[in-house]
Amino acid sequence: MSALLTIFRRECHGLATAPATHVVAAVFITLQGAAFVLALRPFLEAPQELTLVEMFFRGPMFWIPFLALFPLLTMRLLAEEQKLGTMEMLLTAPVRVREVVLAKFLATFVFYALLWVPNLIAFHLYHWISGQSLAYDPAGLWSAYAMVLAMGAMYLAVGCLASSLTLSQIGSGIIASCLLMVHFLLGYVPGRLGQMAPQVQSLFEYIHSDAHLRDAASGLWDSRPFVYYLTFAALLLTATGYSLNRRRWRS
């Protein structure tokens, strides 16, 4: 546990002081603000049936920076250390591979969670200034944020695995981007291919990220997506550990 905490603090310090992470954070928060303004615009024209929470998390401007964020956060997480040889130095210390992977993942997840704080403040400020009941649904807001964090756990784990497979940051980013895009688009397969067998249809609906977030933003709490994202996050982190061990013994 002490080794995990040491690496965790080291990674948190690295994220807090790296210029690249500040650039990523600034761009992401700016795009979040743009998406928030676009979600607000219909309220200025006419009353809306959907709440601001639903309008924000259903907007197309939400998904573009959201999916692009994870490769940028994880592309150097393991690939750079392997390329520079610092990973071998780290693993020669009395520390296990799973502790290295978990510490790096947790540090990145904490940084990812903090990126949502400005957006949460914006929702509260708008509700406080406008006083509109439809602008802020507590059940929808908190279930949407819980879903975003659960999705983020799995998507960051995808990035960790991609970063363990290559020594190139760019290669890691490309692999993670492709995997995340394929996963996102799989949810739309039934709508494109038409009627499918009920078992196949339910499978695609089970992994439909957009549908999960839409339901969460409307206040519908379903435990199955959370189980799916967190289970796969654990499996992907386990696969990351195996990947690092395999590369370690081959070298």
Protein backbone atom coordinates (compact mmCIF):
# COMPACT_ATOMS: atom_id res chain seq x y z
CA MET A 1 0.00 0.00 0.00
CA SER A 2 2.84 2.42 0.78
CA ALA A 3 4.37 1.81 -2.65
CA LEU A 4 1.01 2.46 -4.33
CA LEU A 5 0.55 5.73 -2.43
CA THR A 6 4.10 6.82 -3.26
CA ILE A 7 3.60 6.25 -6.98
CA PHE A 8 0.14 7.83 -6.78
CA ARG A 9 1.56 11.02 -5.26
CA ARG A 10 4.34 11.03 -7.85
CA GLU A 11 1.85 10.75 -10.69
CA CYS A 12 -0.43 13.43 -9.20
CA HIS A 13 2.54 15.77 -8.95
CA GLY A 14 3.54 14.99 -12.52
CA LEU A 15 0.04 15.71 -13.80
CA ALA A 16 -0.19 18.93 -11.79
CA THR A 17 3.12 20.28 -13.09
CA ALA A 18 3.13 19.04 -16.70
CA PRO A 19 2.33 21.86 -19.18
CA ALA A 20 0.62 19.40 -21.53
CA THR A 21 -2.00 18.44 -18.95
CA HIS A 22 -2.78 22.10 -18.31
CA VAL A 23 -3.29 22.64 -22.04
CA VAL A 24 -5.57 19.59 -22.25
CA ALA A 25 -7.52 20.76 -19.21
CA ALA A 26 -7.91 24.30 -20.58
CA VAL A 27 -9.13 23.08 -23.97
CA PHE A 28 -11.53 20.56 -22.45
CA ILE A 29 -13.04 23.05 -20.00
CA THR A 30 -13.38 25.64 -22.78
CA LEU A 31 -15.20 23.16 -24.99
CA GLN A 32 -17.39 22.19 -22.05
CA GLY A 33 -18.28 25.85 -21.69
CA ALA A 34 -19.15 26.07 -25.39
CA ALA A 35 -21.36 22.99 -25.08
CA PHE A 36 -23.04 24.52 -22.03
CA VAL A 37 -23.79 27.73 -23.96
CA LEU A 38 -25.21 25.74 -26.88
CA ALA A 39 -27.43 23.81 -24.46
CA LEU A 40 -28.62 27.12 -22.98
CA ARG A 41 -29.52 28.72 -26.30
CA PRO A 42 -32.90 26.97 -26.82
CA PHE A 43 -34.04 28.20 -23.37
CA LEU A 44 -33.58 31.78 -24.56
CA GLU A 45 -35.93 31.23 -27.48
CA ALA A 46 -38.80 29.22 -25.97
CA PRO A 47 -39.69 26.99 -22.99
CA GLN A 48 -38.23 23.51 -23.27
CA GLU A 49 -39.56 20.15 -22.14
CA LEU A 50 -36.06 18.88 -21.38
CA THR A 51 -33.98 20.20 -18.52
CA LEU A 52 -30.67 21.92 -19.07
CA VAL A 53 -28.94 18.80 -17.76
CA GLU A 54 -30.53 16.69 -20.49
CA MET A 55 -29.82 19.29 -23.16
CA PHE A 56 -26.14 19.44 -22.18
CA PHE A 57 -25.44 15.72 -21.95
CA ARG A 58 -27.41 14.95 -25.11
CA GLY A 59 -25.70 17.55 -27.25
CA PRO A 60 -23.26 16.54 -30.00
CA MET A 61 -20.72 19.01 -28.65
CA PHE A 62 -20.48 16.92 -25.50
CA TRP A 63 -19.15 13.75 -27.13
CA ILE A 64 -16.43 15.24 -29.33
CA PRO A 65 -14.19 16.59 -26.53
CA PHE A 66 -15.28 13.80 -24.21
CA LEU A 67 -13.99 10.97 -26.42
CA ALA A 68 -10.88 12.93 -27.42
CA LEU A 69 -9.92 13.55 -23.79
CA PHE A 70 -8.97 10.00 -22.80
CA PRO A 71 -6.25 9.31 -25.40
CA LEU A 72 -4.69 12.67 -24.54
CA LEU A 73 -4.64 11.88 -20.81
CA THR A 74 -3.25 8.36 -21.16
CA MET A 75 -1.07 8.36 -24.28
CA ARG A 76 2.14 8.99 -22.32
CA LEU A 77 1.07 7.22 -19.13
CA LEU A 78 3.03 4.01 -19.74
CA ALA A 79 4.39 4.37 -23.27
CA GLU A 80 6.76 7.20 -22.38
CA GLU A 81 8.16 5.44 -19.33
CA GLN A 82 8.80 2.32 -21.37
CA LYS A 83 10.45 4.32 -24.14
CA LEU A 84 12.76 6.20 -21.75
CA GLY A 85 13.58 3.09 -19.75
CA THR A 86 12.24 4.51 -16.48
CA MET A 87 9.66 1.74 -16.28
CA GLU A 88 12.40 -0.86 -15.82
CA MET A 89 13.95 1.26 -13.07
CA LEU A 90 10.58 1.58 -11.37
CA LEU A 91 9.87 -2.14 -11.52
CA THR A 92 13.26 -3.03 -10.05
CA ALA A 93 12.12 -1.32 -6.84
CA PRO A 94 10.08 -3.32 -4.32
CA VAL A 95 6.83 -2.61 -6.12
CA ARG A 96 4.45 -4.81 -8.07
CA VAL A 97 3.27 -4.18 -11.60
CA ARG A 98 -0.35 -4.01 -10.50
CA GLU A 99 0.53 -1.27 -8.00
CA VAL A 100 2.20 0.76 -10.75
CA VAL A 101 -0.81 0.36 -13.05
CA LEU A 102 -3.37 1.10 -10.34
CA ALA A 103 -1.49 4.15 -9.02
CA LYS A 104 -1.16 5.67 -12.48
CA PHE A 105 -4.80 4.95 -13.26
CA LEU A 106 -6.06 6.44 -9.98
CA ALA A 107 -3.97 9.60 -10.40
CA THR A 108 -5.33 10.10 -13.91
CA PHE A 109 -8.87 9.36 -12.76
CA VAL A 110 -8.62 11.99 -10.00
CA PHE A 111 -7.40 14.53 -12.55
CA TYR A 112 -10.25 13.55 -14.88
CA ALA A 113 -12.84 13.93 -12.12
CA LEU A 114 -11.53 17.40 -11.25
CA LEU A 115 -12.10 18.50 -14.85
CA TRP A 116 -15.85 18.25 -14.23
CA VAL A 117 -15.87 20.63 -11.26
CA PRO A 118 -16.19 23.83 -13.38
CA ASN A 119 -19.11 22.30 -15.24
CA LEU A 120 -20.82 21.36 -11.99
CA ILE A 121 -20.35 24.92 -10.72
CA ALA A 122 -21.85 26.28 -13.95
CA PHE A 123 -25.04 24.25 -13.46
CA HIS A 124 -25.40 25.47 -9.88
CA LEU A 125 -24.72 29.09 -10.85
CA TYR A 126 -27.27 29.05 -13.65
CA HIS A 127 -29.91 27.52 -11.40
CA TRP A 128 -29.15 30.09 -8.69
CA ILE A 129 -29.25 33.06 -11.10
CA SER A 130 -32.27 32.00 -13.17
CA GLY A 131 -34.33 30.28 -10.49
CA GLN A 132 -35.86 28.02 -13.14
CA SER A 133 -36.90 24.62 -11.85
CA LEU A 134 -36.37 22.93 -15.22
CA ALA A 135 -32.83 24.23 -15.46
CA TYR A 136 -31.52 21.97 -12.76
CA ASP A 137 -32.79 18.49 -11.92
CA PRO A 138 -30.78 17.15 -8.94
CA ALA A 139 -31.56 13.50 -9.71
CA GLY A 140 -30.62 13.87 -13.37
CA LEU A 141 -27.52 15.93 -12.67
CA TRP A 142 -25.99 13.59 -10.09
CA SER A 143 -26.88 10.41 -11.98
CA ALA A 144 -25.35 11.93 -15.14
CA TYR A 145 -22.14 12.78 -13.30
CA ALA A 146 -22.03 9.31 -11.78
CA MET A 147 -22.38 7.84 -15.27
CA VAL A 148 -19.69 10.15 -16.64
CA LEU A 149 -17.30 8.99 -13.91
CA ALA A 150 -18.11 5.31 -14.52
CA MET A 151 -17.60 5.75 -18.27
CA GLY A 152 -14.40 7.65 -17.58
CA ALA A 153 -13.06 4.77 -15.48
CA MET A 154 -13.48 2.33 -18.37
CA TYR A 155 -12.27 4.76 -21.04
CA LEU A 156 -9.16 5.61 -19.01
CA ALA A 157 -8.52 1.89 -18.57
CA VAL A 158 -8.72 1.53 -22.37
CA GLY A 159 -6.10 4.28 -22.64
CA CYS A 160 -3.89 2.56 -20.05
CA LEU A 161 -4.00 -0.68 -22.01
CA ALA A 162 -3.23 1.12 -25.28
CA SER A 163 -0.30 2.91 -23.62
CA SER A 164 1.12 -0.40 -22.42
CA LEU A 165 1.10 -1.91 -25.92
CA THR A 166 3.51 0.51 -27.57
CA LEU A 167 6.50 2.73 -26.90
CA SER A 168 5.04 5.56 -28.98
CA GLN A 169 2.76 8.19 -27.49
CA ILE A 170 1.19 8.84 -30.88
CA GLY A 171 0.66 5.12 -31.44
CA SER A 172 -0.94 4.82 -28.02
CA GLY A 173 -3.26 7.73 -28.74
CA ILE A 174 -4.30 6.27 -32.08
CA ILE A 175 -5.01 2.84 -30.59
CA ALA A 176 -7.05 4.31 -27.74
CA SER A 177 -8.96 6.64 -30.09
CA CYS A 178 -9.87 3.79 -32.43
CA LEU A 179 -11.01 1.51 -29.59
CA LEU A 180 -13.15 4.22 -28.01
CA MET A 181 -14.71 5.22 -31.32
CA VAL A 182 -15.55 1.61 -32.17
CA HIS A 183 -17.11 1.12 -28.75
CA PHE A 184 -19.16 4.30 -29.11
CA LEU A 185 -20.40 3.42 -32.61
CA LEU A 186 -21.33 -0.16 -31.69
CA GLY A 187 -24.35 1.17 -29.83
CA TYR A 188 -25.78 2.47 -33.10
CA VAL A 189 -25.42 -0.81 -35.01
CA PRO A 190 -29.04 -1.99 -34.46
CA GLY A 191 -30.39 1.32 -35.76
CA ARG A 192 -28.29 1.01 -38.92
CA LEU A 193 -28.82 -2.68 -39.64
CA GLY A 194 -32.50 -2.87 -38.77
CA GLN A 195 -34.26 -5.61 -36.85
CA MET A 196 -31.96 -8.10 -35.14
CA ALA A 197 -32.37 -11.08 -32.87
CA PRO A 198 -33.58 -9.99 -29.40
CA GLN A 199 -30.42 -11.31 -27.71
CA VAL A 200 -28.16 -9.43 -30.12
CA GLN A 201 -30.29 -6.30 -29.85
CA SER A 202 -30.10 -6.34 -26.04
CA LEU A 203 -26.32 -6.84 -26.21
CA PHE A 204 -25.81 -3.71 -28.31
CA GLU A 205 -28.19 -1.74 -26.10
CA TYR A 206 -26.20 -2.88 -23.05
CA ILE A 207 -23.04 -1.18 -24.37
CA HIS A 208 -24.74 1.91 -25.86
CA SER A 209 -22.89 4.75 -24.12
CA ASP A 210 -25.05 7.52 -25.56
CA ALA A 211 -28.25 5.80 -24.39
CA HIS A 212 -26.75 5.22 -20.94
CA LEU A 213 -25.96 8.90 -20.53
CA ARG A 214 -29.33 10.02 -21.89
CA ASP A 215 -31.15 7.82 -19.38
CA ALA A 216 -28.91 9.03 -16.54
CA ALA A 217 -29.42 12.70 -17.45
CA SER A 218 -33.19 12.18 -17.36
CA GLY A 219 -32.90 10.89 -13.78
CA LEU A 220 -33.23 7.19 -14.56
CA TRP A 221 -30.88 5.23 -12.30
CA ASP A 222 -29.91 1.82 -13.71
CA SER A 223 -27.16 -0.18 -12.02
CA ARG A 224 -26.38 -2.36 -15.05
CA PRO A 225 -24.32 0.24 -16.98
CA PHE A 226 -22.29 0.97 -13.84
CA VAL A 227 -21.56 -2.74 -13.40
CA TYR A 228 -20.58 -2.95 -17.07
CA TYR A 229 -18.19 0.02 -17.05
CA LEU A 230 -16.54 -0.75 -13.72
CA THR A 231 -16.17 -4.46 -14.48
CA PHE A 232 -14.56 -3.78 -17.83
CA ALA A 233 -12.32 -1.14 -16.27
CA ALA A 234 -11.03 -3.78 -13.85
CA LEU A 235 -10.52 -6.30 -16.66
CA LEU A 236 -8.69 -3.77 -18.84
CA LEU A 237 -6.39 -2.77 -15.98
CA THR A 238 -5.65 -6.45 -15.36
CA ALA A 239 -4.84 -6.84 -19.06
CA THR A 240 -2.56 -3.79 -18.79
CA GLY A 241 -0.62 -5.47 -15.99
CA TYR A 242 -0.22 -8.63 -18.07
CA SER A 243 0.94 -6.56 -21.02
CA LEU A 244 3.61 -4.83 -18.95
CA ASN A 245 4.74 -8.11 -17.43
CA ARG A 246 5.00 -9.72 -20.85
CA ARG A 247 7.06 -6.84 -22.23
CA ARG A 248 9.19 -6.87 -19.10
CA TRP A 249 10.11 -10.54 -19.36
CA ARG A 250 10.71 -10.32 -23.12
CA SER A 251 13.21 -7.54 -22.56
